[in-house]
């Protein structure tokens, strides 16, 4: 399927550099009318502030934008505590938090920070267990029990319950992760440098097959895309590197031709300028063009 017909959303990928004006940039994205702010999660990166602390502060200084980790590093974030943190932020922000989750990468750095080093199989197993644990903790039920190889619950009491139907998005690229997304997640959250447009159809197909087998409608799975590039005034220098007109055409094609519905801007150059151009010149035009192409 090339278009799942889902409503479009647009966001901004905030790199948590401690020396950058992070809160001012987040406020700019909120004022610009973007729907989401995602923050990458690399606790072992000494130049970065902690992702959850930053997301909480962003939620406190913005009014309408939703926030999420893009994506939380599971090996350094025990899933029951992660679920509690996410639900808490959702409650405190009035329903403005979502949860992006990844199986982990950069294993040397994770191990240096006290986390486990996992094989690809172990990482996939742990991610599957974590999805189950997170769902249980969000349920608000008592006496939660789960026995896995990596995680367990032994009579845990859940709470608070998220303020809205909080979504769980997986940043995965392997066959098992994609199948897990189709079966059990609310969204898929890849990045354009590794999930290139030409790879999207095969990856969607794995998600869709698993969703259908689990009795789900593939269109119920949100398809988010961290899009790396820069909006320029000049000629095209490749995919998402060029003028606004090129961005409008390429994002429209990604929506109606490649099944993506949520675009998270991961921009090079002056961030406030890129946010402003994205929100003012590109977002409305893509919405209009996609609506027209879907109607046709």
C-alpha atoms as a PDB file:
ATOM      1  CA  UNK A   1       0.000   0.000   0.000  1.00  0.00           C
ATOM      2  CA  UNK A   2       1.416   3.410  -0.896  1.00  0.00           C
ATOM      3  CA  UNK A   3      -0.917   5.702   1.072  1.00  0.00           C
ATOM      4  CA  UNK A   4      -2.693   4.796   4.297  1.00  0.00           C
ATOM      5  CA  UNK A   5      -4.833   7.943   4.174  1.00  0.00           C
ATOM      6  CA  UNK A   6      -3.850   9.114   7.641  1.00  0.00           C
ATOM      7  CA  UNK A   7      -3.934  12.802   8.652  1.00  0.00           C
ATOM      8  CA  UNK A   8      -0.568  14.527   8.320  1.00  0.00           C
ATOM      9  CA  UNK A   9       1.493  15.839  11.227  1.00  0.00           C
ATOM     10  CA  UNK A  10       4.759  17.780  11.280  1.00  0.00           C
ATOM     11  CA  UNK A  11       7.430  18.077  13.938  1.00  0.00           C
ATOM     12  CA  UNK A  12      10.958  19.091  14.801  1.00  0.00           C
ATOM     13  CA  UNK A  13      13.952  16.954  15.844  1.00  0.00           C
ATOM     14  CA  UNK A  14      15.785  18.805  18.635  1.00  0.00           C
ATOM     15  CA  UNK A  15      19.409  17.764  19.174  1.00  0.00           C
ATOM     16  CA  UNK A  16      19.961  18.132  22.960  1.00  0.00           C
ATOM     17  CA  UNK A  17      23.326  19.938  22.823  1.00  0.00           C
ATOM     18  CA  UNK A  18      23.883  21.499  26.246  1.00  0.00           C
ATOM     19  CA  UNK A  19      25.460  24.611  24.673  1.00  0.00           C
ATOM     20  CA  UNK A  20      22.515  25.314  22.342  1.00  0.00           C
ATOM     21  CA  UNK A  21      19.478  27.533  23.149  1.00  0.00           C
ATOM     22  CA  UNK A  22      17.310  24.436  23.526  1.00  0.00           C
ATOM     23  CA  UNK A  23      14.258  25.966  25.215  1.00  0.00           C
ATOM     24  CA  UNK A  24      14.198  28.991  22.898  1.00  0.00           C
ATOM     25  CA  UNK A  25      14.321  26.659  19.899  1.00  0.00           C
ATOM     26  CA  UNK A  26      11.535  24.492  21.350  1.00  0.00           C
ATOM     27  CA  UNK A  27       9.392  27.591  21.925  1.00  0.00           C
ATOM     28  CA  UNK A  28      10.027  28.627  18.308  1.00  0.00           C
ATOM     29  CA  UNK A  29       8.739  25.231  17.108  1.00  0.00           C
ATOM     30  CA  UNK A  30       5.680  25.592  19.357  1.00  0.00           C
ATOM     31  CA  UNK A  31       4.941  29.146  18.136  1.00  0.00           C
ATOM     32  CA  UNK A  32       5.395  28.037  14.527  1.00  0.00           C
ATOM     33  CA  UNK A  33       2.491  25.625  14.972  1.00  0.00           C
ATOM     34  CA  UNK A  34       4.390  22.341  14.622  1.00  0.00           C
ATOM     35  CA  UNK A  35       2.666  19.309  16.154  1.00  0.00           C
ATOM     36  CA  UNK A  36       5.627  17.508  17.724  1.00  0.00           C
ATOM     37  CA  UNK A  37       9.119  17.922  19.160  1.00  0.00           C
ATOM     38  CA  UNK A  38      11.305  14.815  19.294  1.00  0.00           C
ATOM     39  CA  UNK A  39      14.572  14.602  21.256  1.00  0.00           C
ATOM     40  CA  UNK A  40      17.179  11.911  20.635  1.00  0.00           C
ATOM     41  CA  UNK A  41      18.297   9.873  23.656  1.00  0.00           C
ATOM     42  CA  UNK A  42      22.026   9.250  24.053  1.00  0.00           C
ATOM     43  CA  UNK A  43      22.754   9.484  27.811  1.00  0.00           C
ATOM     44  CA  UNK A  44      26.427   8.557  27.257  1.00  0.00           C
ATOM     45  CA  UNK A  45      26.968  11.589  24.984  1.00  0.00           C
ATOM     46  CA  UNK A  46      28.720  14.091  27.261  1.00  0.00           C
ATOM     47  CA  UNK A  47      27.658  17.140  25.223  1.00  0.00           C
ATOM     48  CA  UNK A  48      23.945  16.318  25.571  1.00  0.00           C
ATOM     49  CA  UNK A  49      21.569  17.128  28.402  1.00  0.00           C
ATOM     50  CA  UNK A  50      19.361  14.284  29.619  1.00  0.00           C
ATOM     51  CA  UNK A  51      16.454  13.675  27.266  1.00  0.00           C
ATOM     52  CA  UNK A  52      13.689  13.175  29.857  1.00  0.00           C
ATOM     53  CA  UNK A  53      14.728  16.247  31.826  1.00  0.00           C
ATOM     54  CA  UNK A  54      14.712  18.294  28.611  1.00  0.00           C
ATOM     55  CA  UNK A  55      11.324  16.940  27.468  1.00  0.00           C
ATOM     56  CA  UNK A  56       9.816  17.817  30.849  1.00  0.00           C
ATOM     57  CA  UNK A  57      11.210  21.341  30.693  1.00  0.00           C
ATOM     58  CA  UNK A  58      10.030  21.800  27.103  1.00  0.00           C
ATOM     59  CA  UNK A  59       6.529  20.745  28.132  1.00  0.00           C
ATOM     60  CA  UNK A  60       6.627  23.333  30.919  1.00  0.00           C
ATOM     61  CA  UNK A  61       7.626  26.260  28.659  1.00  0.00           C
ATOM     62  CA  UNK A  62       5.405  25.451  25.633  1.00  0.00           C
ATOM     63  CA  UNK A  63       1.642  25.560  25.214  1.00  0.00           C
ATOM     64  CA  UNK A  64       0.451  23.117  22.579  1.00  0.00           C
ATOM     65  CA  UNK A  65       3.232  21.077  20.978  1.00  0.00           C
ATOM     66  CA  UNK A  66       3.498  17.358  21.894  1.00  0.00           C
ATOM     67  CA  UNK A  67       6.871  15.961  23.007  1.00  0.00           C
ATOM     68  CA  UNK A  68       8.523  12.540  22.770  1.00  0.00           C
ATOM     69  CA  UNK A  69      11.935  10.824  22.979  1.00  0.00           C
ATOM     70  CA  UNK A  70      13.160  10.091  19.456  1.00  0.00           C
ATOM     71  CA  UNK A  71      13.916   7.356  20.530  1.00  0.00           C
ATOM     72  CA  UNK A  72      14.430   6.308  24.158  1.00  0.00           C
ATOM     73  CA  UNK A  73      17.433   4.003  24.631  1.00  0.00           C
ATOM     74  CA  UNK A  74      15.885   0.881  26.154  1.00  0.00           C
ATOM     75  CA  UNK A  75      19.114  -0.638  27.549  1.00  0.00           C
ATOM     76  CA  UNK A  76      19.574   2.442  29.779  1.00  0.00           C
ATOM     77  CA  UNK A  77      15.862   2.987  30.572  1.00  0.00           C
ATOM     78  CA  UNK A  78      14.130   0.150  32.496  1.00  0.00           C
ATOM     79  CA  UNK A  79      10.715  -0.130  30.810  1.00  0.00           C
ATOM     80  CA  UNK A  80       8.527   0.021  33.938  1.00  0.00           C
ATOM     81  CA  UNK A  81      10.249   3.237  35.078  1.00  0.00           C
ATOM     82  CA  UNK A  82      10.235   4.576  31.509  1.00  0.00           C
ATOM     83  CA  UNK A  83       6.477   3.942  31.286  1.00  0.00           C
ATOM     84  CA  UNK A  84       5.986   5.726  34.621  1.00  0.00           C
ATOM     85  CA  UNK A  85       8.077   8.709  33.451  1.00  0.00           C
ATOM     86  CA  UNK A  86       6.172   8.948  30.162  1.00  0.00           C
ATOM     87  CA  UNK A  87       2.753   8.695  31.841  1.00  0.00           C
ATOM     88  CA  UNK A  88       3.795  11.274  34.429  1.00  0.00           C
ATOM     89  CA  UNK A  89       4.895  13.721  31.739  1.00  0.00           C
ATOM     90  CA  UNK A  90       1.611  13.140  29.925  1.00  0.00           C
ATOM     91  CA  UNK A  91      -0.360  13.931  33.087  1.00  0.00           C
ATOM     92  CA  UNK A  92       1.734  17.005  33.951  1.00  0.00           C
ATOM     93  CA  UNK A  93       1.589  18.382  30.387  1.00  0.00           C
ATOM     94  CA  UNK A  94      -2.141  17.874  29.914  1.00  0.00           C
ATOM     95  CA  UNK A  95      -1.831  14.985  27.475  1.00  0.00           C
ATOM     96  CA  UNK A  96       1.099  16.244  25.386  1.00  0.00           C
ATOM     97  CA  UNK A  97       3.556  13.328  25.603  1.00  0.00           C
ATOM     98  CA  UNK A  98       4.126  10.261  23.425  1.00  0.00           C
ATOM     99  CA  UNK A  99       6.782   7.541  23.699  1.00  0.00           C
ATOM    100  CA  UNK A 100       9.332   6.674  21.027  1.00  0.00           C
ATOM    101  CA  UNK A 101      11.409   3.603  21.879  1.00  0.00           C
ATOM    102  CA  UNK A 102      14.441   1.876  20.383  1.00  0.00           C
ATOM    103  CA  UNK A 103      16.244  -1.389  21.129  1.00  0.00           C
ATOM    104  CA  UNK A 104      19.576   0.422  21.538  1.00  0.00           C
ATOM    105  CA  UNK A 105      22.710   0.922  19.498  1.00  0.00           C
ATOM    106  CA  UNK A 106      26.251   2.195  20.221  1.00  0.00           C
ATOM    107  CA  UNK A 107      26.837  -0.801  22.494  1.00  0.00           C
ATOM    108  CA  UNK A 108      30.345   0.280  23.593  1.00  0.00           C
ATOM    109  CA  UNK A 109      28.897   3.561  24.873  1.00  0.00           C
ATOM    110  CA  UNK A 110      25.915   1.825  26.510  1.00  0.00           C
ATOM    111  CA  UNK A 111      28.234  -0.625  28.252  1.00  0.00           C
ATOM    112  CA  UNK A 112      30.512   2.233  29.361  1.00  0.00           C
ATOM    113  CA  UNK A 113      27.466   3.798  31.039  1.00  0.00           C
ATOM    114  CA  UNK A 114      26.608   0.615  32.918  1.00  0.00           C
ATOM    115  CA  UNK A 115      24.059  -0.806  30.493  1.00  0.00           C
ATOM    116  CA  UNK A 116      23.961  -4.331  29.065  1.00  0.00           C
ATOM    117  CA  UNK A 117      25.646  -5.240  25.785  1.00  0.00           C
ATOM    118  CA  UNK A 118      23.050  -7.133  23.737  1.00  0.00           C
ATOM    119  CA  UNK A 119      23.261  -9.185  20.562  1.00  0.00           C
ATOM    120  CA  UNK A 120      20.728  -8.297  17.852  1.00  0.00           C
ATOM    121  CA  UNK A 121      18.575 -11.235  18.979  1.00  0.00           C
ATOM    122  CA  UNK A 122      18.741 -10.184  22.642  1.00  0.00           C
ATOM    123  CA  UNK A 123      17.960  -6.572  21.753  1.00  0.00           C
ATOM    124  CA  UNK A 124      14.888  -7.659  19.776  1.00  0.00           C
ATOM    125  CA  UNK A 125      13.758  -9.952  22.614  1.00  0.00           C
ATOM    126  CA  UNK A 126      14.187  -7.167  25.186  1.00  0.00           C
ATOM    127  CA  UNK A 127      12.262  -4.677  23.034  1.00  0.00           C
ATOM    128  CA  UNK A 128       9.342  -7.095  22.705  1.00  0.00           C
ATOM    129  CA  UNK A 129       9.294  -7.646  26.479  1.00  0.00           C
ATOM    130  CA  UNK A 130       9.499  -3.886  27.073  1.00  0.00           C
ATOM    131  CA  UNK A 131       6.417  -3.220  24.932  1.00  0.00           C
ATOM    132  CA  UNK A 132       4.444  -5.672  27.093  1.00  0.00           C
ATOM    133  CA  UNK A 133       5.740  -4.135  30.335  1.00  0.00           C
ATOM    134  CA  UNK A 134       4.986  -0.561  29.200  1.00  0.00           C
ATOM    135  CA  UNK A 135       1.432  -1.450  28.181  1.00  0.00           C
ATOM    136  CA  UNK A 136       0.851  -3.095  31.569  1.00  0.00           C
ATOM    137  CA  UNK A 137       2.204  -0.106  33.503  1.00  0.00           C
ATOM    138  CA  UNK A 138       0.003   2.274  31.479  1.00  0.00           C
ATOM    139  CA  UNK A 139      -3.074   0.146  32.268  1.00  0.00           C
ATOM    140  CA  UNK A 140      -3.425   1.509  35.810  1.00  0.00           C
ATOM    141  CA  UNK A 141      -4.100  -1.999  37.097  1.00  0.00           C
ATOM    142  CA  UNK A 142      -2.777  -3.549  40.308  1.00  0.00           C
ATOM    143  CA  UNK A 143      -0.786  -6.724  40.879  1.00  0.00           C
ATOM    144  CA  UNK A 144       0.970  -6.555  37.514  1.00  0.00           C
ATOM    145  CA  UNK A 145       2.963  -9.672  36.719  1.00  0.00           C
ATOM    146  CA  UNK A 146       5.332 -10.458  33.873  1.00  0.00           C
ATOM    147  CA  UNK A 147       8.266 -12.865  33.675  1.00  0.00           C
ATOM    148  CA  UNK A 148      10.702 -12.317  30.812  1.00  0.00           C
ATOM    149  CA  UNK A 149      14.363 -13.017  30.180  1.00  0.00           C
ATOM    150  CA  UNK A 150      15.223  -9.309  30.434  1.00  0.00           C
ATOM    151  CA  UNK A 151      12.395  -7.683  32.413  1.00  0.00           C
ATOM    152  CA  UNK A 152       9.862  -8.718  35.023  1.00  0.00           C
ATOM    153  CA  UNK A 153       7.008  -7.379  37.101  1.00  0.00           C
ATOM    154  CA  UNK A 154       6.229  -9.017  40.431  1.00  0.00           C
ATOM    155  CA  UNK A 155       2.960  -7.679  41.789  1.00  0.00           C
ATOM    156  CA  UNK A 156       3.620  -4.100  40.648  1.00  0.00           C
ATOM    157  CA  UNK A 157       0.985  -1.378  41.013  1.00  0.00           C
ATOM    158  CA  UNK A 158       0.599   0.937  38.021  1.00  0.00           C
ATOM    159  CA  UNK A 159      -0.140   4.647  38.068  1.00  0.00           C
ATOM    160  CA  UNK A 160      -0.718   7.361  37.156  1.00  0.00           C
ATOM    161  CA  UNK A 161      -2.563   6.429  33.965  1.00  0.00           C
ATOM    162  CA  UNK A 162      -1.621   8.629  30.966  1.00  0.00           C
ATOM    163  CA  UNK A 163      -3.879  11.678  30.479  1.00  0.00           C
ATOM    164  CA  UNK A 164      -4.697  10.654  26.899  1.00  0.00           C
ATOM    165  CA  UNK A 165      -4.360   7.481  24.841  1.00  0.00           C
ATOM    166  CA  UNK A 166      -0.606   7.679  24.768  1.00  0.00           C
ATOM    167  CA  UNK A 167       1.077   6.242  21.700  1.00  0.00           C
ATOM    168  CA  UNK A 168       4.099   3.933  21.612  1.00  0.00           C
ATOM    169  CA  UNK A 169       6.269   4.331  18.510  1.00  0.00           C
ATOM    170  CA  UNK A 170       9.178   2.023  17.677  1.00  0.00           C
ATOM    171  CA  UNK A 171      12.367   3.195  15.986  1.00  0.00           C
ATOM    172  CA  UNK A 172      13.268  -0.124  14.356  1.00  0.00           C
ATOM    173  CA  UNK A 173      14.579  -1.375  11.020  1.00  0.00           C
ATOM    174  CA  UNK A 174      15.056  -5.132  11.340  1.00  0.00           C
ATOM    175  CA  UNK A 175      12.465  -7.785  10.379  1.00  0.00           C
ATOM    176  CA  UNK A 176      11.603  -8.661  13.994  1.00  0.00           C
ATOM    177  CA  UNK A 177      11.246  -5.038  15.054  1.00  0.00           C
ATOM    178  CA  UNK A 178       9.039  -4.246  12.072  1.00  0.00           C
ATOM    179  CA  UNK A 179       6.839  -7.269  12.811  1.00  0.00           C
ATOM    180  CA  UNK A 180       6.584  -6.185  16.462  1.00  0.00           C
ATOM    181  CA  UNK A 181       5.536  -2.721  15.275  1.00  0.00           C
ATOM    182  CA  UNK A 182       2.754  -4.204  13.180  1.00  0.00           C
ATOM    183  CA  UNK A 183       1.522  -6.435  15.995  1.00  0.00           C
ATOM    184  CA  UNK A 184       1.834  -4.241  19.032  1.00  0.00           C
ATOM    185  CA  UNK A 185       2.914  -0.620  18.460  1.00  0.00           C
ATOM    186  CA  UNK A 186       1.002   2.544  17.574  1.00  0.00           C
ATOM    187  CA  UNK A 187       3.626   3.835  15.173  1.00  0.00           C
ATOM    188  CA  UNK A 188       6.864   3.270  13.291  1.00  0.00           C
ATOM    189  CA  UNK A 189       9.618   5.889  13.670  1.00  0.00           C
ATOM    190  CA  UNK A 190      12.545   5.464  11.247  1.00  0.00           C
ATOM    191  CA  UNK A 191      15.077   8.071  10.083  1.00  0.00           C
ATOM    192  CA  UNK A 192      15.723   8.951   6.450  1.00  0.00           C
ATOM    193  CA  UNK A 193      19.538   8.428   6.522  1.00  0.00           C
ATOM    194  CA  UNK A 194      19.095   4.667   7.113  1.00  0.00           C
ATOM    195  CA  UNK A 195      15.463   4.097   6.091  1.00  0.00           C
ATOM    196  CA  UNK A 196      15.895   5.666   2.667  1.00  0.00           C
ATOM    197  CA  UNK A 197      12.794   6.230   0.506  1.00  0.00           C
ATOM    198  CA  UNK A 198      13.617   3.261  -1.713  1.00  0.00           C
ATOM    199  CA  UNK A 199      13.689   0.946   1.347  1.00  0.00           C
ATOM    200  CA  UNK A 200      10.303   2.071   2.697  1.00  0.00           C
ATOM    201  CA  UNK A 201       8.033  -0.269   0.650  1.00  0.00           C
ATOM    202  CA  UNK A 202       9.670  -3.494   1.894  1.00  0.00           C
ATOM    203  CA  UNK A 203       9.628  -2.209   5.481  1.00  0.00           C
ATOM    204  CA  UNK A 204       5.975  -1.154   5.295  1.00  0.00           C
ATOM    205  CA  UNK A 205       5.176  -4.590   3.890  1.00  0.00           C
ATOM    206  CA  UNK A 206       6.625  -6.333   6.966  1.00  0.00           C
ATOM    207  CA  UNK A 207       4.642  -4.062   9.298  1.00  0.00           C
ATOM    208  CA  UNK A 208       1.450  -4.528   7.288  1.00  0.00           C
ATOM    209  CA  UNK A 209       1.761  -8.313   7.142  1.00  0.00           C
ATOM    210  CA  UNK A 210       2.240  -8.531  10.917  1.00  0.00           C
ATOM    211  CA  UNK A 211      -0.615  -6.098  11.570  1.00  0.00           C
ATOM    212  CA  UNK A 212      -3.004  -8.073   9.363  1.00  0.00           C
ATOM    213  CA  UNK A 213      -1.966 -11.366  10.986  1.00  0.00           C
ATOM    214  CA  UNK A 214      -2.703  -9.822  14.390  1.00  0.00           C
ATOM    215  CA  UNK A 215      -6.158  -8.711  13.240  1.00  0.00           C
ATOM    216  CA  UNK A 216      -5.195  -5.051  12.971  1.00  0.00           C
ATOM    217  CA  UNK A 217      -5.739  -2.584  10.149  1.00  0.00           C
ATOM    218  CA  UNK A 218      -2.279  -1.563   8.846  1.00  0.00           C
ATOM    219  CA  UNK A 219      -3.625   2.013   8.605  1.00  0.00           C
ATOM    220  CA  UNK A 220      -3.866   2.045  12.410  1.00  0.00           C
ATOM    221  CA  UNK A 221      -0.053   2.170  12.560  1.00  0.00           C
ATOM    222  CA  UNK A 222       1.259   5.734  12.340  1.00  0.00           C
ATOM    223  CA  UNK A 223       4.284   6.134  10.041  1.00  0.00           C
ATOM    224  CA  UNK A 224       6.640   8.866  11.300  1.00  0.00           C
ATOM    225  CA  UNK A 225       9.804   9.891   9.481  1.00  0.00           C
ATOM    226  CA  UNK A 226      12.803  11.768  10.865  1.00  0.00           C
ATOM    227  CA  UNK A 227      13.824  13.673   7.742  1.00  0.00           C
ATOM    228  CA  UNK A 228      17.412  14.861   7.515  1.00  0.00           C
ATOM    229  CA  UNK A 229      18.064  17.770   5.180  1.00  0.00           C
ATOM    230  CA  UNK A 230      18.223  21.504   4.716  1.00  0.00           C
ATOM    231  CA  UNK A 231      15.876  24.039   3.132  1.00  0.00           C
ATOM    232  CA  UNK A 232      17.871  26.316   0.841  1.00  0.00           C
ATOM    233  CA  UNK A 233      17.212  29.119  -1.597  1.00  0.00           C
ATOM    234  CA  UNK A 234      19.283  27.524  -4.328  1.00  0.00           C
ATOM    235  CA  UNK A 235      19.266  24.525  -6.622  1.00  0.00           C
ATOM    236  CA  UNK A 236      18.678  20.953  -5.509  1.00  0.00           C
ATOM    237  CA  UNK A 237      21.671  19.138  -4.033  1.00  0.00           C
ATOM    238  CA  UNK A 238      19.842  15.839  -3.549  1.00  0.00           C
ATOM    239  CA  UNK A 239      16.975  14.408  -1.499  1.00  0.00           C
ATOM    240  CA  UNK A 240      15.556  17.066   0.882  1.00  0.00           C
ATOM    241  CA  UNK A 241      18.444  19.405   0.143  1.00  0.00           C
ATOM    242  CA  UNK A 242      17.064  22.266  -1.878  1.00  0.00           C
ATOM    243  CA  UNK A 243      14.402  24.967  -2.132  1.00  0.00           C
ATOM    244  CA  UNK A 244      10.963  24.847  -0.517  1.00  0.00           C
ATOM    245  CA  UNK A 245       9.332  23.785  -3.802  1.00  0.00           C
ATOM    246  CA  UNK A 246      11.486  20.640  -3.851  1.00  0.00           C
ATOM    247  CA  UNK A 247      10.595  19.847  -0.217  1.00  0.00           C
ATOM    248  CA  UNK A 248       6.880  20.258  -0.966  1.00  0.00           C
ATOM    249  CA  UNK A 249       7.051  17.818  -3.884  1.00  0.00           C
ATOM    250  CA  UNK A 250       9.213  15.269  -2.064  1.00  0.00           C
ATOM    251  CA  UNK A 251       7.158  15.275   1.155  1.00  0.00           C
ATOM    252  CA  UNK A 252       3.917  15.030  -0.832  1.00  0.00           C
ATOM    253  CA  UNK A 253       5.344  12.024  -2.655  1.00  0.00           C
ATOM    254  CA  UNK A 254       6.433  10.452   0.643  1.00  0.00           C
ATOM    255  CA  UNK A 255       2.861  10.835   1.942  1.00  0.00           C
ATOM    256  CA  UNK A 256       0.819   9.658  -1.053  1.00  0.00           C
ATOM    257  CA  UNK A 257       3.462   7.463  -2.684  1.00  0.00           C
ATOM    258  CA  UNK A 258       5.461   6.046   0.241  1.00  0.00           C
ATOM    259  CA  UNK A 259       2.967   5.820   3.097  1.00  0.00           C
ATOM    260  CA  UNK A 260       4.550   8.261   5.568  1.00  0.00           C
ATOM    261  CA  UNK A 261       2.203  10.564   7.490  1.00  0.00           C
ATOM    262  CA  UNK A 262       4.319  12.422  10.067  1.00  0.00           C
ATOM    263  CA  UNK A 263       7.470  14.347   9.190  1.00  0.00           C
ATOM    264  CA  UNK A 264      10.006  15.344  11.861  1.00  0.00           C
ATOM    265  CA  UNK A 265      12.426  18.005  10.566  1.00  0.00           C
ATOM    266  CA  UNK A 266      16.081  17.197  11.356  1.00  0.00           C
ATOM    267  CA  UNK A 267      17.649  20.264   9.832  1.00  0.00           C
ATOM    268  CA  UNK A 268      21.133  21.556   9.150  1.00  0.00           C
ATOM    269  CA  UNK A 269      21.863  25.278   9.339  1.00  0.00           C
ATOM    270  CA  UNK A 270      20.277  27.987  11.504  1.00  0.00           C
ATOM    271  CA  UNK A 271      17.560  26.138  13.396  1.00  0.00           C
ATOM    272  CA  UNK A 272      15.062  28.960  13.932  1.00  0.00           C
ATOM    273  CA  UNK A 273      15.257  29.886  10.232  1.00  0.00           C
ATOM    274  CA  UNK A 274      14.771  26.267   9.178  1.00  0.00           C
ATOM    275  CA  UNK A 275      11.793  25.843  11.558  1.00  0.00           C
ATOM    276  CA  UNK A 276      10.184  29.053  10.298  1.00  0.00           C
ATOM    277  CA  UNK A 277      10.574  28.126   6.626  1.00  0.00           C
ATOM    278  CA  UNK A 278       9.373  24.556   7.251  1.00  0.00           C
ATOM    279  CA  UNK A 279       6.281  25.716   9.153  1.00  0.00           C
ATOM    280  CA  UNK A 280       5.366  28.641   6.904  1.00  0.00           C
ATOM    281  CA  UNK A 281       6.416  27.621   3.388  1.00  0.00           C
ATOM    282  CA  UNK A 282       6.330  23.836   3.369  1.00  0.00           C
ATOM    283  CA  UNK A 283       3.811  22.439   5.879  1.00  0.00           C
ATOM    284  CA  UNK A 284       0.670  24.249   4.567  1.00  0.00           C
ATOM    285  CA  UNK A 285       1.598  23.530   0.948  1.00  0.00           C
ATOM    286  CA  UNK A 286       2.160  19.823   1.632  1.00  0.00           C
ATOM    287  CA  UNK A 287      -1.185  19.582   3.444  1.00  0.00           C
ATOM    288  CA  UNK A 288      -2.940  21.202   0.487  1.00  0.00           C
ATOM    289  CA  UNK A 289      -1.156  19.144  -2.155  1.00  0.00           C
ATOM    290  CA  UNK A 290      -1.745  15.839  -0.324  1.00  0.00           C
ATOM    291  CA  UNK A 291      -5.451  16.677   0.121  1.00  0.00           C
ATOM    292  CA  UNK A 292      -5.728  17.437  -3.601  1.00  0.00           C
ATOM    293  CA  UNK A 293      -3.888  14.275  -4.682  1.00  0.00           C
ATOM    294  CA  UNK A 294      -5.952  12.091  -2.339  1.00  0.00           C
ATOM    295  CA  UNK A 295      -9.185  13.623  -3.678  1.00  0.00           C
ATOM    296  CA  UNK A 296      -8.060  12.967  -7.238  1.00  0.00           C
END
